[in-house]
Amino acid sequence: MFDAQYTLTESIYPKEDWGHSSHIMGVELAMRAGVNHLCLFHSEPTASDEQLEQIETSTRRYAHLHDKSYPLKISQAYDGLEIHM
């Protein structure tokens, strides 16, 4: 579970000191730590469903570009989500 409230641009500027991270940072840390499933949560409250889908899509795209061979599953958290290990 990773706090990805902002896009990378938002997390660098203008909200760099707000205490939240981005989906791109989540991918970087997950791959370095050997994580199998990255679940993004704490999305921007004003974000629409379409914006959240775009973030999830761009997160997958970035992970693929970063390391095509790394099998990282990426999902968005939602109310009622259950993750079985």
C-alpha atoms as a PDB file:
ATOM      1  CA  MET A   1       0.000   0.000   0.000  1.00  0.00           C
ATOM      2  CA  PHE A   2       1.507   3.289  -1.058  1.00  0.00           C
ATOM      3  CA  ASP A   3       0.342   6.874  -0.546  1.00  0.00           C
ATOM      4  CA  ALA A   4       0.130   8.211  -4.078  1.00  0.00           C
ATOM      5  CA  GLN A   5      -2.079  11.232  -3.603  1.00  0.00           C
ATOM      6  CA  TYR A   6      -0.360  13.341  -6.237  1.00  0.00           C
ATOM      7  CA  THR A   7       1.103  13.066  -9.685  1.00  0.00           C
ATOM      8  CA  LEU A   8       4.877  13.388  -9.850  1.00  0.00           C
ATOM      9  CA  THR A   9       4.572  17.009 -10.979  1.00  0.00           C
ATOM     10  CA  GLU A  10       2.231  17.878  -8.114  1.00  0.00           C
ATOM     11  CA  SER A  11       4.443  16.140  -5.544  1.00  0.00           C
ATOM     12  CA  ILE A  12       7.469  18.158  -6.659  1.00  0.00           C
ATOM     13  CA  TYR A  13       5.718  21.459  -7.216  1.00  0.00           C
ATOM     14  CA  PRO A  14       3.555  23.058  -5.778  1.00  0.00           C
ATOM     15  CA  LYS A  15       2.820  20.467  -3.053  1.00  0.00           C
ATOM     16  CA  GLU A  16       6.328  19.247  -2.251  1.00  0.00           C
ATOM     17  CA  ASP A  17       6.014  19.903   1.485  1.00  0.00           C
ATOM     18  CA  TRP A  18       2.470  18.576   1.972  1.00  0.00           C
ATOM     19  CA  GLY A  19       3.630  15.133   3.144  1.00  0.00           C
ATOM     20  CA  HIS A  20       2.276  12.980   0.300  1.00  0.00           C
ATOM     21  CA  SER A  21       3.955  11.081  -2.487  1.00  0.00           C
ATOM     22  CA  SER A  22       3.347  10.170  -6.122  1.00  0.00           C
ATOM     23  CA  HIS A  23       2.594   7.040  -8.103  1.00  0.00           C
ATOM     24  CA  ILE A  24       5.979   7.245  -9.841  1.00  0.00           C
ATOM     25  CA  MET A  25       7.835   7.260  -6.531  1.00  0.00           C
ATOM     26  CA  GLY A  26       5.749   4.237  -5.556  1.00  0.00           C
ATOM     27  CA  VAL A  27       6.979   2.301  -8.589  1.00  0.00           C
ATOM     28  CA  GLU A  28      10.581   3.238  -7.897  1.00  0.00           C
ATOM     29  CA  LEU A  29      10.417   2.142  -4.261  1.00  0.00           C
ATOM     30  CA  ALA A  30       8.396  -1.014  -4.992  1.00  0.00           C
ATOM     31  CA  MET A  31      10.895  -2.237  -7.557  1.00  0.00           C
ATOM     32  CA  ARG A  32      13.876  -1.465  -5.344  1.00  0.00           C
ATOM     33  CA  ALA A  33      12.247  -3.350  -2.464  1.00  0.00           C
ATOM     34  CA  GLY A  34      11.241  -6.376  -4.545  1.00  0.00           C
ATOM     35  CA  VAL A  35       7.502  -5.796  -4.086  1.00  0.00           C
ATOM     36  CA  ASN A  36       5.089  -7.945  -6.121  1.00  0.00           C
ATOM     37  CA  HIS A  37       1.920  -5.836  -5.806  1.00  0.00           C
ATOM     38  CA  LEU A  38       1.799  -2.047  -5.593  1.00  0.00           C
ATOM     39  CA  CYS A  39      -1.562  -0.749  -4.425  1.00  0.00           C
ATOM     40  CA  LEU A  40      -2.018   3.017  -4.701  1.00  0.00           C
ATOM     41  CA  PHE A  41      -4.182   4.742  -2.094  1.00  0.00           C
ATOM     42  CA  HIS A  42      -4.983   8.154  -0.648  1.00  0.00           C
ATOM     43  CA  SER A  43      -5.887   9.682  -3.978  1.00  0.00           C
ATOM     44  CA  GLU A  44      -6.622  13.382  -4.341  1.00  0.00           C
ATOM     45  CA  PRO A  45     -10.191  13.877  -3.023  1.00  0.00           C
ATOM     46  CA  THR A  46     -11.091  16.148  -5.937  1.00  0.00           C
ATOM     47  CA  ALA A  47      -9.858  13.670  -8.573  1.00  0.00           C
ATOM     48  CA  SER A  48     -12.483  12.214 -10.871  1.00  0.00           C
ATOM     49  CA  ASP A  49     -12.740   8.509 -11.677  1.00  0.00           C
ATOM     50  CA  GLU A  50     -11.232   9.278 -15.075  1.00  0.00           C
ATOM     51  CA  GLN A  51      -8.245  11.020 -13.490  1.00  0.00           C
ATOM     52  CA  LEU A  52      -7.681   8.049 -11.171  1.00  0.00           C
ATOM     53  CA  GLU A  53      -7.813   5.697 -14.163  1.00  0.00           C
ATOM     54  CA  GLN A  54      -5.257   7.884 -15.969  1.00  0.00           C
ATOM     55  CA  ILE A  55      -2.947   7.725 -12.953  1.00  0.00           C
ATOM     56  CA  GLU A  56      -3.250   3.942 -12.800  1.00  0.00           C
ATOM     57  CA  THR A  57      -2.582   3.662 -16.543  1.00  0.00           C
ATOM     58  CA  SER A  58       0.423   5.990 -16.404  1.00  0.00           C
ATOM     59  CA  THR A  59       1.751   4.083 -13.382  1.00  0.00           C
ATOM     60  CA  ARG A  60       1.636   0.819 -15.338  1.00  0.00           C
ATOM     61  CA  ARG A  61       3.233   2.497 -18.350  1.00  0.00           C
ATOM     62  CA  TYR A  62       6.041   3.916 -16.231  1.00  0.00           C
ATOM     63  CA  ALA A  63       6.676   0.561 -14.516  1.00  0.00           C
ATOM     64  CA  HIS A  64       6.903  -1.132 -17.921  1.00  0.00           C
ATOM     65  CA  LEU A  65       9.310   1.502 -19.253  1.00  0.00           C
ATOM     66  CA  HIS A  66      11.374   1.377 -16.067  1.00  0.00           C
ATOM     67  CA  ASP A  67      11.848  -2.411 -16.185  1.00  0.00           C
ATOM     68  CA  LYS A  68       9.961  -4.498 -18.732  1.00  0.00           C
ATOM     69  CA  SER A  69      10.946  -7.749 -17.047  1.00  0.00           C
ATOM     70  CA  TYR A  70       9.772  -6.839 -13.527  1.00  0.00           C
ATOM     71  CA  PRO A  71       6.392  -8.486 -12.771  1.00  0.00           C
ATOM     72  CA  LEU A  72       4.861  -5.673 -10.688  1.00  0.00           C
ATOM     73  CA  LYS A  73       1.090  -5.831 -10.265  1.00  0.00           C
ATOM     74  CA  ILE A  74      -0.420  -2.355  -9.892  1.00  0.00           C
ATOM     75  CA  SER A  75      -3.882  -1.495  -8.622  1.00  0.00           C
ATOM     76  CA  GLN A  76      -5.846   1.356  -7.092  1.00  0.00           C
ATOM     77  CA  ALA A  77      -7.243   0.933  -3.600  1.00  0.00           C
ATOM     78  CA  TYR A  78     -10.990   1.324  -3.199  1.00  0.00           C
ATOM     79  CA  ASP A  79     -13.540   0.871  -0.432  1.00  0.00           C
ATOM     80  CA  GLY A  80     -13.991  -2.826   0.238  1.00  0.00           C
ATOM     81  CA  LEU A  81     -10.812  -3.954  -1.539  1.00  0.00           C
ATOM     82  CA  GLU A  82      -9.417  -7.202  -0.185  1.00  0.00           C
ATOM     83  CA  ILE A  83      -5.871  -8.320  -0.955  1.00  0.00           C
ATOM     84  CA  HIS A  84      -5.100 -11.974  -0.423  1.00  0.00           C
ATOM     85  CA  MET A  85      -1.520 -13.077  -0.047  1.00  0.00           C
END
